[in-house]
Amino acid sequence: MHHLRLLVASLLIFFVVGVAPAIAQEEMTGDNAPAVVIGDDSPSAEEDAWTFRFLVPSLLGGSGIALLGVALGYAVRIRGRYRVTP
């Protein structure tokens, strides 16, 4: 039964990776032109997206502060746990 499941899983992976993209391609019309022509009429964005402007810097700053806090907490715990005797 284990071999059957492995065979079915392998066939499904082969189908999804190999055959399905070929089926999903656009069909060409008789005169060798695409059936749907999509123009690039969208205006180009001059400003960065809000995620790049606000979310990325705040996440980077927050992760830097968290790393600094973890490093300091670890140093305090280690220094408090072990004592050097003369």
N, C-alpha and C. Protein backbone atom coordinates (compact mmCIF):
# COMPACT_ATOMS: atom_id res chain seq x y z
N MET A 1 0.82 -1.18 0.00
CA MET A 1 0.00 0.00 0.00
C MET A 1 0.87 1.26 0.00
N HIS A 2 2.00 1.17 0.70
CA HIS A 2 2.91 2.32 0.77
C HIS A 2 3.47 2.64 -0.62
N HIS A 3 3.78 1.62 -1.38
CA HIS A 3 4.32 1.82 -2.74
C HIS A 3 3.28 2.44 -3.66
N LEU A 4 2.03 2.07 -3.47
CA LEU A 4 0.96 2.62 -4.30
C LEU A 4 0.80 4.12 -4.01
N ARG A 5 0.83 4.50 -2.72
CA ARG A 5 0.72 5.91 -2.38
C ARG A 5 1.90 6.71 -2.94
N LEU A 6 3.08 6.13 -2.86
CA LEU A 6 4.27 6.80 -3.40
C LEU A 6 4.17 6.96 -4.91
N LEU A 7 3.66 5.95 -5.60
CA LEU A 7 3.48 6.02 -7.04
C LEU A 7 2.46 7.09 -7.42
N VAL A 8 1.33 7.12 -6.71
CA VAL A 8 0.29 8.11 -7.00
C VAL A 8 0.82 9.52 -6.73
N ALA A 9 1.54 9.71 -5.63
CA ALA A 9 2.09 11.03 -5.31
C ALA A 9 3.10 11.45 -6.38
N SER A 10 3.94 10.52 -6.83
CA SER A 10 4.92 10.85 -7.87
C SER A 10 4.24 11.22 -9.18
N LEU A 11 3.20 10.51 -9.53
CA LEU A 11 2.46 10.83 -10.76
C LEU A 11 1.78 12.19 -10.66
N LEU A 12 1.20 12.50 -9.50
CA LEU A 12 0.56 13.79 -9.33
C LEU A 12 1.58 14.94 -9.42
N ILE A 13 2.74 14.75 -8.81
CA ILE A 13 3.77 15.77 -8.89
C ILE A 13 4.24 15.94 -10.33
N PHE A 14 4.43 14.83 -11.05
CA PHE A 14 4.82 14.91 -12.46
C PHE A 14 3.76 15.65 -13.27
N PHE A 15 2.48 15.36 -13.00
CA PHE A 15 1.40 16.01 -13.74
C PHE A 15 1.39 17.52 -13.47
N VAL A 16 1.51 17.90 -12.20
CA VAL A 16 1.44 19.32 -11.84
C VAL A 16 2.63 20.08 -12.39
N VAL A 17 3.82 19.48 -12.34
CA VAL A 17 5.02 20.19 -12.78
C VAL A 17 5.20 20.11 -14.29
N GLY A 18 4.87 18.98 -14.91
CA GLY A 18 5.17 18.81 -16.31
C GLY A 18 4.03 19.06 -17.28
N VAL A 19 2.86 18.57 -16.97
CA VAL A 19 1.77 18.59 -17.93
C VAL A 19 0.85 19.79 -17.74
N ALA A 20 0.55 20.14 -16.51
CA ALA A 20 -0.41 21.22 -16.25
C ALA A 20 0.02 22.56 -16.83
N PRO A 21 1.30 22.97 -16.77
CA PRO A 21 1.66 24.25 -17.40
C PRO A 21 1.44 24.26 -18.91
N ALA A 22 1.63 23.12 -19.56
CA ALA A 22 1.41 23.06 -21.00
C ALA A 22 -0.07 23.20 -21.33
N ILE A 23 -0.92 22.68 -20.48
CA ILE A 23 -2.36 22.79 -20.71
C ILE A 23 -2.82 24.22 -20.48
N ALA A 24 -2.21 24.92 -19.54
CA ALA A 24 -2.66 26.25 -19.15
C ALA A 24 -2.18 27.36 -20.08
N GLN A 25 -1.37 27.06 -21.07
CA GLN A 25 -0.88 28.10 -21.97
C GLN A 25 -2.01 28.65 -22.83
N GLU A 26 -1.84 29.89 -23.29
CA GLU A 26 -2.86 30.51 -24.12
C GLU A 26 -2.95 29.82 -25.47
N GLU A 27 -4.17 29.76 -25.97
CA GLU A 27 -4.39 29.21 -27.30
C GLU A 27 -4.17 30.30 -28.33
N MET A 28 -3.53 29.98 -29.41
CA MET A 28 -3.29 30.94 -30.47
C MET A 28 -4.42 30.85 -31.51
N THR A 29 -4.75 31.98 -32.09
CA THR A 29 -5.77 31.97 -33.12
C THR A 29 -5.17 31.50 -34.44
N GLY A 30 -5.98 31.42 -35.46
CA GLY A 30 -5.52 30.90 -36.73
C GLY A 30 -4.44 31.74 -37.39
N ASP A 31 -4.45 33.04 -37.20
CA ASP A 31 -3.44 33.90 -37.84
C ASP A 31 -2.20 34.08 -36.97
N ASN A 32 -2.01 33.19 -36.02
CA ASN A 32 -0.81 33.14 -35.18
C ASN A 32 -0.66 34.40 -34.32
N ALA A 33 -1.78 34.95 -33.87
CA ALA A 33 -1.77 36.10 -32.98
C ALA A 33 -2.43 35.68 -31.66
N PRO A 34 -2.05 36.27 -30.58
CA PRO A 34 -2.68 35.89 -29.32
C PRO A 34 -4.15 36.26 -29.29
N ALA A 35 -4.93 35.47 -28.59
CA ALA A 35 -6.36 35.70 -28.53
C ALA A 35 -6.69 36.95 -27.72
N VAL A 36 -5.91 37.22 -26.71
CA VAL A 36 -6.14 38.40 -25.87
C VAL A 36 -4.86 39.21 -25.83
N VAL A 37 -4.96 40.49 -26.16
CA VAL A 37 -3.81 41.38 -26.12
C VAL A 37 -4.00 42.31 -24.93
N ILE A 38 -3.05 42.27 -24.02
CA ILE A 38 -3.13 43.13 -22.83
C ILE A 38 -2.12 44.24 -22.99
N GLY A 39 -2.61 45.46 -22.99
CA GLY A 39 -1.74 46.61 -23.15
C GLY A 39 -1.21 47.07 -21.80
N ASP A 40 -0.10 47.75 -21.83
CA ASP A 40 0.51 48.27 -20.62
C ASP A 40 0.08 49.73 -20.45
N ASP A 41 -1.20 49.93 -20.11
CA ASP A 41 -1.75 51.27 -19.96
C ASP A 41 -1.70 51.77 -18.53
N SER A 42 -1.20 50.95 -17.61
CA SER A 42 -1.19 51.37 -16.21
C SER A 42 -0.10 52.40 -15.98
N PRO A 43 -0.40 53.42 -15.19
CA PRO A 43 0.62 54.43 -14.92
C PRO A 43 1.72 53.85 -14.02
N SER A 44 2.92 54.27 -14.27
CA SER A 44 4.03 53.76 -13.48
C SER A 44 4.03 54.44 -12.12
N ALA A 45 4.29 53.66 -11.10
CA ALA A 45 4.30 54.20 -9.74
C ALA A 45 5.65 54.87 -9.47
N GLU A 46 5.61 56.14 -9.17
CA GLU A 46 6.83 56.88 -8.91
C GLU A 46 7.28 56.71 -7.46
N GLU A 47 6.32 56.61 -6.54
CA GLU A 47 6.65 56.47 -5.13
C GLU A 47 6.70 54.99 -4.75
N ASP A 48 7.45 54.71 -3.69
CA ASP A 48 7.49 53.34 -3.19
C ASP A 48 6.14 53.01 -2.55
N ALA A 49 5.87 51.73 -2.47
CA ALA A 49 4.64 51.29 -1.83
C ALA A 49 4.70 51.58 -0.33
N TRP A 50 3.55 51.65 0.32
CA TRP A 50 3.52 51.98 1.74
C TRP A 50 4.21 50.90 2.56
N THR A 51 4.19 49.66 2.06
CA THR A 51 4.85 48.60 2.81
C THR A 51 6.35 48.81 2.84
N PHE A 52 6.90 49.25 1.75
CA PHE A 52 8.34 49.48 1.70
C PHE A 52 8.71 50.74 2.46
N ARG A 53 7.85 51.73 2.46
CA ARG A 53 8.16 52.99 3.12
C ARG A 53 8.00 52.91 4.63
N PHE A 54 7.02 52.15 5.12
CA PHE A 54 6.74 52.16 6.55
C PHE A 54 6.96 50.82 7.23
N LEU A 55 6.49 49.75 6.62
CA LEU A 55 6.52 48.45 7.28
C LEU A 55 7.93 47.87 7.33
N VAL A 56 8.68 47.96 6.27
CA VAL A 56 10.03 47.38 6.24
C VAL A 56 10.97 48.07 7.23
N PRO A 57 11.05 49.40 7.26
CA PRO A 57 11.94 50.02 8.25
C PRO A 57 11.52 49.74 9.70
N SER A 58 10.22 49.71 9.97
CA SER A 58 9.79 49.43 11.34
C SER A 58 10.10 47.99 11.74
N LEU A 59 9.95 47.05 10.82
CA LEU A 59 10.30 45.66 11.12
C LEU A 59 11.80 45.50 11.32
N LEU A 60 12.60 46.15 10.50
CA LEU A 60 14.05 46.08 10.67
C LEU A 60 14.48 46.70 11.99
N GLY A 61 13.93 47.84 12.34
CA GLY A 61 14.26 48.48 13.61
C GLY A 61 13.81 47.65 14.81
N GLY A 62 12.61 47.11 14.71
CA GLY A 62 12.10 46.27 15.81
C GLY A 62 12.91 45.00 15.99
N SER A 63 13.30 44.38 14.90
CA SER A 63 14.11 43.16 15.02
C SER A 63 15.50 43.48 15.55
N GLY A 64 16.07 44.64 15.19
CA GLY A 64 17.36 45.05 15.73
C GLY A 64 17.29 45.29 17.23
N ILE A 65 16.22 45.95 17.66
CA ILE A 65 16.03 46.19 19.10
C ILE A 65 15.82 44.87 19.84
N ALA A 66 15.07 43.95 19.26
CA ALA A 66 14.85 42.66 19.89
C ALA A 66 16.15 41.87 20.00
N LEU A 67 16.97 41.88 18.95
CA LEU A 67 18.26 41.18 19.01
C LEU A 67 19.17 41.79 20.07
N LEU A 68 19.18 43.09 20.16
CA LEU A 68 19.98 43.77 21.17
C LEU A 68 19.49 43.41 22.57
N GLY A 69 18.20 43.37 22.77
CA GLY A 69 17.64 43.00 24.06
C GLY A 69 17.96 41.57 24.44
N VAL A 70 17.88 40.66 23.48
CA VAL A 70 18.21 39.26 23.76
C VAL A 70 19.68 39.12 24.10
N ALA A 71 20.55 39.81 23.37
CA ALA A 71 21.99 39.72 23.64
C ALA A 71 22.32 40.29 25.02
N LEU A 72 21.72 41.42 25.37
CA LEU A 72 21.97 42.00 26.69
C LEU A 72 21.41 41.11 27.81
N GLY A 73 20.23 40.57 27.61
CA GLY A 73 19.65 39.67 28.61
C GLY A 73 20.48 38.42 28.80
N TYR A 74 21.00 37.89 27.75
CA TYR A 74 21.85 36.70 27.84
C TYR A 74 23.14 37.04 28.58
N ALA A 75 23.73 38.20 28.28
CA ALA A 75 24.98 38.59 28.95
C ALA A 75 24.74 38.81 30.44
N VAL A 76 23.62 39.40 30.82
CA VAL A 76 23.32 39.64 32.23
C VAL A 76 23.10 38.31 32.95
N ARG A 77 22.39 37.39 32.33
CA ARG A 77 22.14 36.10 32.98
C ARG A 77 23.42 35.31 33.16
N ILE A 78 24.28 35.30 32.16
CA ILE A 78 25.54 34.56 32.26
C ILE A 78 26.45 35.20 33.30
N ARG A 79 26.54 36.52 33.31
CA ARG A 79 27.42 37.20 34.26
C ARG A 79 26.91 36.99 35.69
N GLY A 80 25.61 36.94 35.88
CA GLY A 80 25.06 36.74 37.22
C GLY A 80 25.16 35.29 37.68
N ARG A 81 25.26 34.36 36.78
CA ARG A 81 25.25 32.95 37.14
C ARG A 81 26.65 32.46 37.56
N TYR A 82 27.66 32.91 36.89
CA TYR A 82 29.00 32.42 37.17
C TYR A 82 29.84 33.50 37.83
N ARG A 83 30.58 33.13 38.84
CA ARG A 83 31.45 34.06 39.56
C ARG A 83 32.90 33.58 39.44
N VAL A 84 33.78 34.50 39.20
CA VAL A 84 35.20 34.18 39.13
C VAL A 84 35.77 34.30 40.55
N THR A 85 36.39 33.24 41.03
CA THR A 85 36.99 33.27 42.37
C THR A 85 38.47 33.53 42.25
N PRO A 86 39.01 34.38 43.11
CA PRO A 86 40.44 34.70 43.02
C PRO A 86 41.33 33.61 43.58
